[in-house]
Amino acid sequence: MKLSSLFCLAGAVLFAGVFASAADKKTPPLLKHEMKTLTGKKVDLAKYSGKVLLITNVASQCGATPQYKPLEVLHEKYSEKGLAVLGFPCNQFGSQEPGSDEDVAQFCEKNYGVKFDMFSKIDVNGDKAADLFKQLTSKENAPTEKDAGPVKWNFEKFLVSKEGKVVARFRTGVQPDSAEVVKAIEAELAK
């Protein structure tokens, strides 16, 4: 191999390493996770960098299950403006999400026409909690002290800024299309 070719190759490798390192530094810690979709496809959450996120744990057999509808409305209304709604099925609350990922996908499509991104079933609390939810509920990431701590029930909603910071947490009783949630989403999208 010629010396000039070797220098070009070394330069390309160095550039690629610097570029990857710079890109990694731009990804907020909250989005440095890989999760599986309901169809089993792996998704790097870094793809949501720069978007406003509404992350929620969901269940198909809960009194709050009708919240799928306003979540989908928010997705349809604001996705082109930079909002991504992310749903994470969880069976930890009253065993209200007993089905398989395929069952969840069919239920969401048939009953609510869900098109926002849905992920594989996870735990949101305890030793087996997904790292994403460990971060969402941590004191370090909570917007206020009262917003830290375990998820209490299905359909808790975390609003995450374009910079990857949790800026609001809405408990189950707060509807996704309530004035409080919509105002917070619109404020983050305007930044």
Protein backbone atom coordinates (compact mmCIF):
# COMPACT_ATOMS: atom_id res chain seq x y z
CA MET A 1 0.00 0.00 0.00
CA LYS A 2 1.33 3.42 -0.87
CA LEU A 3 2.13 5.78 1.94
CA SER A 4 -0.34 8.39 0.58
CA SER A 5 -3.14 5.79 0.56
CA LEU A 6 -2.27 4.85 4.12
CA PHE A 7 -2.49 8.51 5.21
CA CYS A 8 -5.86 8.89 3.45
CA LEU A 9 -7.17 5.76 5.16
CA ALA A 10 -5.89 6.90 8.56
CA GLY A 11 -7.45 10.33 8.01
CA ALA A 12 -10.80 8.79 7.08
CA VAL A 13 -10.79 6.57 10.17
CA LEU A 14 -9.87 9.51 12.40
CA PHE A 15 -12.57 11.71 10.83
CA ALA A 16 -15.19 8.98 11.25
CA GLY A 17 -14.21 8.55 14.90
CA VAL A 18 -14.39 12.28 15.58
CA PHE A 19 -17.73 12.56 13.76
CA ALA A 20 -19.21 9.60 15.68
CA SER A 21 -17.92 11.04 18.95
CA ALA A 22 -19.43 14.46 18.18
CA ALA A 23 -22.75 12.88 17.20
CA ASP A 24 -22.76 10.81 20.41
CA LYS A 25 -22.16 13.94 22.50
CA LYS A 26 -25.20 15.59 20.89
CA THR A 27 -27.47 12.73 21.94
CA PRO A 28 -29.00 13.48 25.35
CA PRO A 29 -28.40 10.74 27.97
CA LEU A 30 -32.14 10.10 28.12
CA LEU A 31 -32.07 9.00 24.48
CA LYS A 32 -28.99 6.77 24.65
CA HIS A 33 -31.08 3.61 24.66
CA GLU A 34 -32.08 0.98 22.18
CA MET A 35 -35.63 -0.29 22.49
CA LYS A 36 -37.69 -2.81 20.52
CA THR A 37 -40.92 -1.94 18.73
CA LEU A 38 -44.04 -4.10 18.99
CA THR A 39 -42.85 -5.88 15.85
CA GLY A 40 -39.43 -6.64 17.37
CA LYS A 41 -37.45 -4.06 15.39
CA LYS A 42 -34.63 -2.44 17.37
CA VAL A 43 -34.81 1.35 17.51
CA ASP A 44 -32.07 3.67 18.70
CA LEU A 45 -33.90 6.38 20.66
CA ALA A 46 -31.24 8.83 19.48
CA LYS A 47 -33.40 9.13 16.36
CA TYR A 48 -35.72 11.32 18.47
CA SER A 49 -32.97 13.84 19.31
CA GLY A 50 -34.19 17.36 18.65
CA LYS A 51 -37.86 16.41 18.98
CA VAL A 52 -40.31 17.10 21.79
CA LEU A 53 -41.39 13.75 23.25
CA LEU A 54 -44.48 12.64 25.12
CA ILE A 55 -43.54 9.28 26.64
CA THR A 56 -46.20 7.18 28.34
CA ASN A 57 -46.67 3.71 29.78
CA VAL A 58 -49.83 2.16 28.38
CA ALA A 59 -52.19 -0.76 29.00
CA SER A 60 -55.09 -2.25 27.04
CA GLN A 61 -57.38 -3.23 29.92
CA CYS A 62 -57.26 -0.14 32.11
CA GLY A 63 -59.88 2.46 32.94
CA ALA A 64 -57.48 4.97 31.38
CA THR A 65 -57.10 2.99 28.12
CA PRO A 66 -59.33 5.48 26.24
CA GLN A 67 -56.38 7.91 26.57
CA TYR A 68 -55.04 6.19 23.44
CA LYS A 69 -57.49 8.32 21.44
CA PRO A 70 -56.28 11.77 22.57
CA LEU A 71 -52.66 10.54 22.40
CA GLU A 72 -53.25 9.68 18.73
CA VAL A 73 -54.92 13.08 18.18
CA LEU A 74 -51.83 14.79 19.62
CA HIS A 75 -49.64 12.68 17.34
CA GLU A 76 -51.68 13.63 14.27
CA LYS A 77 -51.84 17.32 15.17
CA TYR A 78 -48.24 17.93 16.25
CA SER A 79 -45.98 15.26 14.71
CA GLU A 80 -45.12 17.44 11.71
CA LYS A 81 -44.27 20.26 14.14
CA GLY A 82 -41.75 18.09 15.99
CA LEU A 83 -43.69 16.06 18.59
CA ALA A 84 -43.17 12.32 18.93
CA VAL A 85 -45.56 10.30 21.10
CA LEU A 86 -43.97 7.09 22.40
CA GLY A 87 -46.04 4.34 23.99
CA PHE A 88 -44.57 1.63 26.22
CA PRO A 89 -46.96 -1.19 27.20
CA CYS A 90 -46.53 -2.37 30.78
CA ASN A 91 -48.23 -5.14 32.75
CA GLN A 92 -47.12 -4.00 36.23
CA PHE A 93 -50.35 -2.28 37.25
CA GLY A 94 -53.25 -4.62 37.91
CA SER A 95 -52.01 -6.99 35.17
CA GLN A 96 -53.86 -4.78 32.70
CA GLU A 97 -51.55 -5.51 29.75
CA PRO A 98 -51.47 -9.33 29.73
CA GLY A 99 -51.22 -9.92 25.98
CA SER A 100 -48.24 -10.33 23.68
CA ASP A 101 -46.72 -7.48 21.69
CA GLU A 102 -48.75 -8.71 18.71
CA ASP A 103 -51.94 -8.58 20.80
CA VAL A 104 -51.12 -5.01 21.87
CA ALA A 105 -50.48 -3.94 18.27
CA GLN A 106 -53.78 -5.45 17.07
CA PHE A 107 -55.71 -3.91 19.95
CA CYS A 108 -54.28 -0.44 19.37
CA GLU A 109 -54.90 -0.52 15.62
CA LYS A 110 -58.40 -1.99 15.83
CA ASN A 111 -59.74 0.12 18.71
CA TYR A 112 -57.86 3.42 18.44
CA GLY A 113 -56.10 3.52 15.05
CA VAL A 114 -52.80 4.18 16.84
CA LYS A 115 -50.06 5.35 14.48
CA PHE A 116 -47.67 6.86 17.02
CA ASP A 117 -44.60 4.80 17.89
CA MET A 118 -45.31 1.85 20.14
CA PHE A 119 -42.65 -0.27 21.77
CA SER A 120 -42.37 -3.76 23.22
CA LYS A 121 -43.73 -4.46 26.70
CA ILE A 122 -41.42 -3.38 29.49
CA ASP A 123 -41.33 -2.87 33.24
CA VAL A 124 -41.33 0.77 34.33
CA ASN A 125 -40.63 0.18 38.03
CA GLY A 126 -38.44 -2.12 40.08
CA ASP A 127 -35.21 -3.97 39.45
CA LYS A 128 -36.20 -4.95 35.92
CA ALA A 129 -37.39 -1.47 34.92
CA ALA A 130 -36.21 -0.29 31.53
CA ASP A 131 -33.28 2.12 31.85
CA LEU A 132 -35.31 4.78 30.03
CA PHE A 133 -37.94 4.76 32.78
CA LYS A 134 -35.31 4.62 35.51
CA GLN A 135 -34.02 7.89 34.08
CA LEU A 136 -37.47 9.44 33.54
CA THR A 137 -38.39 8.84 37.18
CA SER A 138 -35.04 9.73 38.78
CA LYS A 139 -34.51 12.76 41.05
CA GLU A 140 -31.76 13.96 38.71
CA ASN A 141 -34.13 14.18 35.75
CA ALA A 142 -37.35 15.26 37.45
CA PRO A 143 -38.49 18.81 36.74
CA THR A 144 -39.57 19.15 40.40
CA GLU A 145 -39.07 17.03 43.51
CA LYS A 146 -42.69 15.84 43.41
CA ASP A 147 -42.15 14.59 39.85
CA ALA A 148 -39.47 12.08 40.92
CA GLY A 149 -40.23 8.54 41.97
CA PRO A 150 -41.88 5.41 40.65
CA VAL A 151 -44.68 5.34 38.11
CA LYS A 152 -47.92 4.97 40.06
CA TRP A 153 -50.24 3.65 37.32
CA ASN A 154 -50.81 3.25 33.61
CA PHE A 155 -50.77 6.26 31.28
CA GLU A 156 -48.36 8.46 33.19
CA LYS A 157 -46.98 10.94 30.71
CA PHE A 158 -43.49 12.47 30.61
CA LEU A 159 -42.88 15.53 28.46
CA VAL A 160 -39.29 15.72 27.23
CA SER A 161 -37.76 18.84 25.64
CA LYS A 162 -35.85 18.96 22.36
CA GLU A 163 -32.68 18.92 24.50
CA GLY A 164 -33.69 15.64 26.13
CA LYS A 165 -34.74 17.03 29.52
CA VAL A 166 -37.90 15.97 31.36
CA VAL A 167 -39.86 19.22 31.64
CA ALA A 168 -43.19 17.92 32.94
CA ARG A 169 -44.80 14.78 34.31
CA PHE A 170 -48.53 14.21 34.12
CA ARG A 171 -50.12 11.47 36.20
CA THR A 172 -52.82 9.09 34.98
CA GLY A 173 -55.71 11.39 35.84
CA VAL A 174 -54.45 14.15 33.54
CA GLN A 175 -55.90 13.65 30.07
CA PRO A 176 -53.41 13.92 27.17
CA ASP A 177 -55.59 16.55 25.48
CA SER A 178 -56.12 18.64 28.62
CA ALA A 179 -55.28 22.34 28.40
CA GLU A 180 -52.37 21.77 30.80
CA VAL A 181 -50.71 19.15 28.59
CA VAL A 182 -51.41 20.89 25.28
CA LYS A 183 -50.06 24.20 26.61
CA ALA A 184 -46.87 22.48 27.81
CA ILE A 185 -46.40 20.69 24.46
CA GLU A 186 -46.96 23.87 22.45
CA ALA A 187 -44.53 25.81 24.68
CA GLU A 188 -41.81 23.20 24.09
CA LEU A 189 -42.44 23.06 20.35
CA ALA A 190 -42.15 26.86 20.16
CA LYS A 191 -38.65 26.85 21.68
